[in-house]
Amino acid sequence: YSEVWDKVINEGKIDLINSDNFTTDVVM
């Protein structure tokens, strides 16, 4: 969890929000 959000936000790797790291029905 920590590694994914560090890369998404700090490194701008928005494509890591995908089915490898999130469930297809992920909910905010």
PDB file of all heavy atoms in Angstrom:
ATOM      1  N   TYR A   1       0.831  -1.209   0.000  1.00  0.00           N
ATOM      2  CA  TYR A   1       0.000   0.000   0.000  1.00  0.00           C
ATOM      3  C   TYR A   1       0.866   1.259   0.000  1.00  0.00           C
ATOM      4  O   TYR A   1       0.646   2.185  -0.780  1.00  0.00           O
ATOM      5  CB  TYR A   1      -0.906  -0.033   1.229  1.00  0.00           C
ATOM      6  CG  TYR A   1      -1.864   1.124   1.347  1.00  0.00           C
ATOM      7  CD1 TYR A   1      -3.133   1.056   0.800  1.00  0.00           C
ATOM      8  CD2 TYR A   1      -1.503   2.286   2.025  1.00  0.00           C
ATOM      9  CE1 TYR A   1      -4.029   2.109   0.911  1.00  0.00           C
ATOM     10  CE2 TYR A   1      -2.376   3.347   2.137  1.00  0.00           C
ATOM     11  CZ  TYR A   1      -3.634   3.251   1.579  1.00  0.00           C
ATOM     12  OH  TYR A   1      -4.509   4.298   1.680  1.00  0.00           O
ATOM     13  N   SER A   2       1.868   1.286   0.870  1.00  0.00           N
ATOM     14  CA  SER A   2       2.738   2.461   1.007  1.00  0.00           C
ATOM     15  C   SER A   2       3.532   2.705  -0.267  1.00  0.00           C
ATOM     16  O   SER A   2       3.668   3.855  -0.717  1.00  0.00           O
ATOM     17  CB  SER A   2       3.693   2.272   2.193  1.00  0.00           C
ATOM     18  OG  SER A   2       2.978   2.088   3.399  1.00  0.00           O
ATOM     19  N   GLU A   3       4.059   1.641  -0.848  1.00  0.00           N
ATOM     20  CA  GLU A   3       4.877   1.789  -2.056  1.00  0.00           C
ATOM     21  C   GLU A   3       4.043   2.279  -3.233  1.00  0.00           C
ATOM     22  O   GLU A   3       4.495   3.134  -4.009  1.00  0.00           O
ATOM     23  CB  GLU A   3       5.537   0.455  -2.398  1.00  0.00           C
ATOM     24  CG  GLU A   3       6.658   0.070  -1.427  1.00  0.00           C
ATOM     25  CD  GLU A   3       7.275  -1.280  -1.751  1.00  0.00           C
ATOM     26  OE1 GLU A   3       6.723  -1.994  -2.641  1.00  0.00           O
ATOM     27  OE2 GLU A   3       8.293  -1.633  -1.122  1.00  0.00           O
ATOM     28  N   VAL A   4       2.826   1.754  -3.376  1.00  0.00           N
ATOM     29  CA  VAL A   4       1.972   2.165  -4.490  1.00  0.00           C
ATOM     30  C   VAL A   4       1.644   3.645  -4.405  1.00  0.00           C
ATOM     31  O   VAL A   4       1.796   4.390  -5.385  1.00  0.00           O
ATOM     32  CB  VAL A   4       0.678   1.328  -4.524  1.00  0.00           C
ATOM     33  CG1 VAL A   4      -0.360   1.973  -5.456  1.00  0.00           C
ATOM     34  CG2 VAL A   4       0.973  -0.082  -4.995  1.00  0.00           C
ATOM     35  N   TRP A   5       1.228   4.118  -3.225  1.00  0.00           N
ATOM     36  CA  TRP A   5       0.838   5.523  -3.113  1.00  0.00           C
ATOM     37  C   TRP A   5       2.027   6.466  -3.202  1.00  0.00           C
ATOM     38  O   TRP A   5       1.903   7.587  -3.695  1.00  0.00           O
ATOM     39  CB  TRP A   5       0.042   5.761  -1.830  1.00  0.00           C
ATOM     40  CG  TRP A   5      -1.388   5.353  -1.984  1.00  0.00           C
ATOM     41  CD1 TRP A   5      -2.068   4.398  -1.289  1.00  0.00           C
ATOM     42  CD2 TRP A   5      -2.319   5.874  -2.943  1.00  0.00           C
ATOM     43  NE1 TRP A   5      -3.356   4.291  -1.750  1.00  0.00           N
ATOM     44  CE2 TRP A   5      -3.538   5.181  -2.762  1.00  0.00           C
ATOM     45  CE3 TRP A   5      -2.244   6.831  -3.935  1.00  0.00           C
ATOM     46  CZ2 TRP A   5      -4.661   5.440  -3.539  1.00  0.00           C
ATOM     47  CZ3 TRP A   5      -3.364   7.093  -4.718  1.00  0.00           C
ATOM     48  CH2 TRP A   5      -4.555   6.401  -4.505  1.00  0.00           C
ATOM     49  N   ASP A   6       3.184   6.025  -2.763  1.00  0.00           N
ATOM     50  CA  ASP A   6       4.386   6.849  -2.913  1.00  0.00           C
ATOM     51  C   ASP A   6       4.692   7.066  -4.397  1.00  0.00           C
ATOM     52  O   ASP A   6       4.982   8.195  -4.831  1.00  0.00           O
ATOM     53  CB  ASP A   6       5.569   6.170  -2.224  1.00  0.00           C
ATOM     54  CG  ASP A   6       6.866   6.934  -2.435  1.00  0.00           C
ATOM     55  OD1 ASP A   6       6.948   8.110  -2.030  1.00  0.00           O
ATOM     56  OD2 ASP A   6       7.808   6.364  -3.028  1.00  0.00           O
ATOM     57  N   LYS A   7       4.576   6.017  -5.187  1.00  0.00           N
ATOM     58  CA  LYS A   7       4.880   6.125  -6.608  1.00  0.00           C
ATOM     59  C   LYS A   7       3.800   6.893  -7.361  1.00  0.00           C
ATOM     60  O   LYS A   7       4.105   7.672  -8.272  1.00  0.00           O
ATOM     61  CB  LYS A   7       5.065   4.726  -7.210  1.00  0.00           C
ATOM     62  CG  LYS A   7       6.331   4.026  -6.712  1.00  0.00           C
ATOM     63  CD  LYS A   7       6.444   2.618  -7.272  1.00  0.00           C
ATOM     64  CE  LYS A   7       7.708   1.927  -6.752  1.00  0.00           C
ATOM     65  NZ  LYS A   7       7.806   0.533  -7.252  1.00  0.00           N
ATOM     66  N   VAL A   8       2.530   6.681  -6.979  1.00  0.00           N
ATOM     67  CA  VAL A   8       1.434   7.371  -7.661  1.00  0.00           C
ATOM     68  C   VAL A   8       1.507   8.875  -7.428  1.00  0.00           C
ATOM     69  O   VAL A   8       1.440   9.672  -8.372  1.00  0.00           O
ATOM     70  CB  VAL A   8       0.065   6.823  -7.198  1.00  0.00           C
ATOM     71  CG1 VAL A   8      -1.068   7.722  -7.706  1.00  0.00           C
ATOM     72  CG2 VAL A   8      -0.141   5.399  -7.705  1.00  0.00           C
ATOM     73  N   ILE A   9       1.661   9.273  -6.172  1.00  0.00           N
ATOM     74  CA  ILE A   9       1.594  10.707  -5.836  1.00  0.00           C
ATOM     75  C   ILE A   9       2.934  11.404  -6.014  1.00  0.00           C
ATOM     76  O   ILE A   9       3.026  12.438  -6.684  1.00  0.00           O
ATOM     77  CB  ILE A   9       1.092  10.905  -4.394  1.00  0.00           C
ATOM     78  CG1 ILE A   9      -0.265  10.229  -4.201  1.00  0.00           C
ATOM     79  CG2 ILE A   9       0.992  12.397  -4.077  1.00  0.00           C
ATOM     80  CD1 ILE A   9      -1.365  10.749  -5.091  1.00  0.00           C
ATOM     81  N   ASN A  10       3.993  10.874  -5.445  1.00  0.00           N
ATOM     82  CA  ASN A  10       5.287  11.564  -5.497  1.00  0.00           C
ATOM     83  C   ASN A  10       5.981  11.442  -6.858  1.00  0.00           C
ATOM     84  O   ASN A  10       6.669  12.360  -7.281  1.00  0.00           O
ATOM     85  CB  ASN A  10       6.205  11.028  -4.397  1.00  0.00           C
ATOM     86  CG  ASN A  10       5.780  11.489  -3.019  1.00  0.00           C
ATOM     87  OD1 ASN A  10       5.383  12.630  -2.816  1.00  0.00           O
ATOM     88  ND2 ASN A  10       5.860  10.585  -2.046  1.00  0.00           N
ATOM     89  N   GLU A  11       5.795  10.301  -7.523  1.00  0.00           N
ATOM     90  CA  GLU A  11       6.450  10.094  -8.814  1.00  0.00           C
ATOM     91  C   GLU A  11       5.504  10.297  -9.989  1.00  0.00           C
ATOM     92  O   GLU A  11       5.919  10.216 -11.146  1.00  0.00           O
ATOM     93  CB  GLU A  11       7.069   8.693  -8.863  1.00  0.00           C
ATOM     94  CG  GLU A  11       8.141   8.471  -7.797  1.00  0.00           C
ATOM     95  CD  GLU A  11       8.740   7.075  -7.872  1.00  0.00           C
ATOM     96  OE1 GLU A  11       8.652   6.441  -8.955  1.00  0.00           O
ATOM     97  OE2 GLU A  11       9.298   6.609  -6.863  1.00  0.00           O
ATOM     98  N   GLY A  12       4.220  10.549  -9.685  1.00  0.00           N
ATOM     99  CA  GLY A  12       3.259  10.816 -10.750  1.00  0.00           C
ATOM    100  C   GLY A  12       2.911   9.613 -11.597  1.00  0.00           C
ATOM    101  O   GLY A  12       2.437   9.759 -12.732  1.00  0.00           O
ATOM    102  N   LYS A  13       3.116   8.404 -11.078  1.00  0.00           N
ATOM    103  CA  LYS A  13       2.849   7.189 -11.852  1.00  0.00           C
ATOM    104  C   LYS A  13       1.385   6.790 -11.696  1.00  0.00           C
ATOM    105  O   LYS A  13       1.048   5.801 -11.050  1.00  0.00           O
ATOM    106  CB  LYS A  13       3.785   6.069 -11.414  1.00  0.00           C
ATOM    107  CG  LYS A  13       5.254   6.369 -11.714  1.00  0.00           C
ATOM    108  CD  LYS A  13       6.168   5.220 -11.316  1.00  0.00           C
ATOM    109  CE  LYS A  13       7.620   5.513 -11.690  1.00  0.00           C
ATOM    110  NZ  LYS A  13       8.533   4.401 -11.287  1.00  0.00           N
ATOM    111  N   ILE A  14       0.522   7.573 -12.312  1.00  0.00           N
ATOM    112  CA  ILE A  14      -0.924   7.382 -12.175  1.00  0.00           C
ATOM    113  C   ILE A  14      -1.376   6.039 -12.738  1.00  0.00           C
ATOM    114  O   ILE A  14      -2.396   5.477 -12.307  1.00  0.00           O
ATOM    115  CB  ILE A  14      -1.683   8.541 -12.866  1.00  0.00           C
ATOM    116  CG1 ILE A  14      -3.165   8.552 -12.461  1.00  0.00           C
ATOM    117  CG2 ILE A  14      -1.504   8.461 -14.378  1.00  0.00           C
ATOM    118  CD1 ILE A  14      -3.405   8.958 -11.049  1.00  0.00           C
ATOM    119  N   ASP A  15      -0.613   5.468 -13.693  1.00  0.00           N
ATOM    120  CA  ASP A  15      -1.007   4.197 -14.307  1.00  0.00           C
ATOM    121  C   ASP A  15      -0.869   3.015 -13.355  1.00  0.00           C
ATOM    122  O   ASP A  15      -1.324   1.904 -13.676  1.00  0.00           O
ATOM    123  CB  ASP A  15      -0.191   3.937 -15.575  1.00  0.00           C
ATOM    124  CG  ASP A  15      -0.591   4.857 -16.718  1.00  0.00           C
ATOM    125  OD1 ASP A  15      -1.742   5.339 -16.700  1.00  0.00           O
ATOM    126  OD2 ASP A  15       0.240   5.109 -17.605  1.00  0.00           O
ATOM    127  N   LEU A  16      -0.264   3.238 -12.189  1.00  0.00           N
ATOM    128  CA  LEU A  16      -0.217   2.181 -11.178  1.00  0.00           C
ATOM    129  C   LEU A  16      -1.573   1.979 -10.508  1.00  0.00           C
ATOM    130  O   LEU A  16      -1.768   1.003  -9.781  1.00  0.00           O
ATOM    131  CB  LEU A  16       0.845   2.496 -10.118  1.00  0.00           C
ATOM    132  CG  LEU A  16       2.295   2.380 -10.585  1.00  0.00           C
ATOM    133  CD1 LEU A  16       3.252   2.739  -9.453  1.00  0.00           C
ATOM    134  CD2 LEU A  16       2.579   0.962 -11.086  1.00  0.00           C
ATOM    135  N   ILE A  17      -2.493   2.889 -10.766  1.00  0.00           N
ATOM    136  CA  ILE A  17      -3.876   2.643 -10.348  1.00  0.00           C
ATOM    137  C   ILE A  17      -4.474   1.734 -11.423  1.00  0.00           C
ATOM    138  O   ILE A  17      -5.046   2.176 -12.422  1.00  0.00           O
ATOM    139  CB  ILE A  17      -4.674   3.958 -10.205  1.00  0.00           C
ATOM    140  CG1 ILE A  17      -4.034   4.843  -9.131  1.00  0.00           C
ATOM    141  CG2 ILE A  17      -6.126   3.664  -9.846  1.00  0.00           C
ATOM    142  CD1 ILE A  17      -4.745   6.164  -8.896  1.00  0.00           C
ATOM    143  N   ASN A  18      -4.247   0.445 -11.248  1.00  0.00           N
ATOM    144  CA  ASN A  18      -4.660  -0.566 -12.223  1.00  0.00           C
ATOM    145  C   ASN A  18      -5.107  -1.823 -11.495  1.00  0.00           C
ATOM    146  O   ASN A  18      -5.099  -1.885 -10.262  1.00  0.00           O
ATOM    147  CB  ASN A  18      -3.511  -0.873 -13.201  1.00  0.00           C
ATOM    148  CG  ASN A  18      -2.244  -1.308 -12.487  1.00  0.00           C
ATOM    149  OD1 ASN A  18      -2.294  -1.979 -11.457  1.00  0.00           O
ATOM    150  ND2 ASN A  18      -1.089  -0.920 -13.018  1.00  0.00           N
ATOM    151  N   SER A  19      -5.467  -2.838 -12.244  1.00  0.00           N
ATOM    152  CA  SER A  19      -6.005  -4.061 -11.646  1.00  0.00           C
ATOM    153  C   SER A  19      -4.948  -4.896 -10.945  1.00  0.00           C
ATOM    154  O   SER A  19      -5.287  -5.859 -10.249  1.00  0.00           O
ATOM    155  CB  SER A  19      -6.710  -4.894 -12.719  1.00  0.00           C
ATOM    156  OG  SER A  19      -5.817  -5.217 -13.774  1.00  0.00           O
ATOM    157  N   ASP A  20      -3.674  -4.560 -11.130  1.00  0.00           N
ATOM    158  CA  ASP A  20      -2.626  -5.268 -10.381  1.00  0.00           C
ATOM    159  C   ASP A  20      -2.587  -4.805  -8.922  1.00  0.00           C
ATOM    160  O   ASP A  20      -2.211  -5.578  -8.037  1.00  0.00           O
ATOM    161  CB  ASP A  20      -1.257  -5.021 -11.014  1.00  0.00           C
ATOM    162  CG  ASP A  20      -1.116  -5.673 -12.375  1.00  0.00           C
ATOM    163  OD1 ASP A  20      -1.807  -6.682 -12.611  1.00  0.00           O
ATOM    164  OD2 ASP A  20      -0.320  -5.163 -13.192  1.00  0.00           O
ATOM    165  N   ASN A  21      -2.949  -3.546  -8.692  1.00  0.00           N
ATOM    166  CA  ASN A  21      -2.830  -2.979  -7.348  1.00  0.00           C
ATOM    167  C   ASN A  21      -4.175  -2.653  -6.699  1.00  0.00           C
ATOM    168  O   ASN A  21      -4.237  -2.486  -5.475  1.00  0.00           O
ATOM    169  CB  ASN A  21      -1.993  -1.697  -7.410  1.00  0.00           C
ATOM    170  CG  ASN A  21      -0.594  -1.947  -7.937  1.00  0.00           C
ATOM    171  OD1 ASN A  21       0.103  -2.841  -7.471  1.00  0.00           O
ATOM    172  ND2 ASN A  21      -0.191  -1.167  -8.940  1.00  0.00           N
ATOM    173  N   PHE A  22      -5.222  -2.551  -7.501  1.00  0.00           N
ATOM    174  CA  PHE A  22      -6.546  -2.196  -6.993  1.00  0.00           C
ATOM    175  C   PHE A  22      -7.578  -3.209  -7.479  1.00  0.00           C
ATOM    176  O   PHE A  22      -7.467  -3.719  -8.600  1.00  0.00           O
ATOM    177  CB  PHE A  22      -6.947  -0.793  -7.475  1.00  0.00           C
ATOM    178  CG  PHE A  22      -6.092   0.320  -6.928  1.00  0.00           C
ATOM    179  CD1 PHE A  22      -4.837   0.585  -7.473  1.00  0.00           C
ATOM    180  CD2 PHE A  22      -6.532   1.106  -5.867  1.00  0.00           C
ATOM    181  CE1 PHE A  22      -4.038   1.599  -6.970  1.00  0.00           C
ATOM    182  CE2 PHE A  22      -5.751   2.126  -5.366  1.00  0.00           C
ATOM    183  CZ  PHE A  22      -4.498   2.378  -5.908  1.00  0.00           C
ATOM    184  N   THR A  23      -8.577  -3.467  -6.658  1.00  0.00           N
ATOM    185  CA  THR A  23      -9.665  -4.331  -7.112  1.00  0.00           C
ATOM    186  C   THR A  23     -10.466  -3.585  -8.173  1.00  0.00           C
ATOM    187  O   THR A  23     -10.520  -2.357  -8.174  1.00  0.00           O
ATOM    188  CB  THR A  23     -10.585  -4.720  -5.944  1.00  0.00           C
ATOM    189  OG1 THR A  23     -11.190  -3.544  -5.395  1.00  0.00           O
ATOM    190  CG2 THR A  23      -9.798  -5.445  -4.846  1.00  0.00           C
ATOM    191  N   THR A  24     -11.080  -4.329  -9.057  1.00  0.00           N
ATOM    192  CA  THR A  24     -11.809  -3.687 -10.159  1.00  0.00           C
ATOM    193  C   THR A  24     -12.987  -2.858  -9.654  1.00  0.00           C
ATOM    194  O   THR A  24     -13.416  -1.919 -10.322  1.00  0.00           O
ATOM    195  CB  THR A  24     -12.327  -4.739 -11.152  1.00  0.00           C
ATOM    196  OG1 THR A  24     -13.119  -5.708 -10.461  1.00  0.00           O
ATOM    197  CG2 THR A  24     -11.142  -5.441 -11.830  1.00  0.00           C
ATOM    198  N   ASP A  25     -13.494  -3.201  -8.458  1.00  0.00           N
ATOM    199  CA  ASP A  25     -14.620  -2.452  -7.890  1.00  0.00           C
ATOM    200  C   ASP A  25     -14.180  -1.545  -6.736  1.00  0.00           C
ATOM    201  O   ASP A  25     -14.952  -1.269  -5.822  1.00  0.00           O
ATOM    202  CB  ASP A  25     -15.718  -3.409  -7.404  1.00  0.00           C
ATOM    203  CG  ASP A  25     -15.214  -4.382  -6.335  1.00  0.00           C
ATOM    204  OD1 ASP A  25     -13.972  -4.451  -6.129  1.00  0.00           O
ATOM    205  OD2 ASP A  25     -16.050  -5.071  -5.708  1.00  0.00           O
ATOM    206  N   VAL A  26     -12.921  -1.090  -6.789  1.00  0.00           N
ATOM    207  CA  VAL A  26     -12.389  -0.231  -5.729  1.00  0.00           C
ATOM    208  C   VAL A  26     -13.325   0.947  -5.476  1.00  0.00           C
ATOM    209  O   VAL A  26     -13.904   1.508  -6.412  1.00  0.00           O
ATOM    210  CB  VAL A  26     -10.967   0.266  -6.082  1.00  0.00           C
ATOM    211  CG1 VAL A  26     -10.960   1.078  -7.359  1.00  0.00           C
ATOM    212  CG2 VAL A  26     -10.358   1.045  -4.928  1.00  0.00           C
ATOM    213  N   VAL A  27     -13.451   1.320  -4.207  1.00  0.00           N
ATOM    214  CA  VAL A  27     -14.388   2.370  -3.809  1.00  0.00           C
ATOM    215  C   VAL A  27     -13.666   3.472  -3.032  1.00  0.00           C
ATOM    216  O   VAL A  27     -12.894   3.189  -2.114  1.00  0.00           O
ATOM    217  CB  VAL A  27     -15.530   1.806  -2.926  1.00  0.00           C
ATOM    218  CG1 VAL A  27     -16.437   2.938  -2.428  1.00  0.00           C
ATOM    219  CG2 VAL A  27     -16.331   0.782  -3.690  1.00  0.00           C
ATOM    220  N   MET A  28     -13.905   4.717  -3.430  1.00  0.00           N
ATOM    221  CA  MET A  28     -13.507   5.885  -2.645  1.00  0.00           C
ATOM    222  C   MET A  28     -14.785   6.435  -2.025  1.00  0.00           C
ATOM    223  O   MET A  28     -15.683   6.886  -2.737  1.00  0.00           O
ATOM    224  CB  MET A  28     -12.838   6.935  -3.525  1.00  0.00           C
ATOM    225  CG  MET A  28     -12.749   8.339  -2.905  1.00  0.00           C
ATOM    226  SD  MET A  28     -11.696   8.412  -1.435  1.00  0.00           S
ATOM    227  CE  MET A  28     -10.090   8.234  -2.199  1.00  0.00           C
TER     228      MET A  28
END
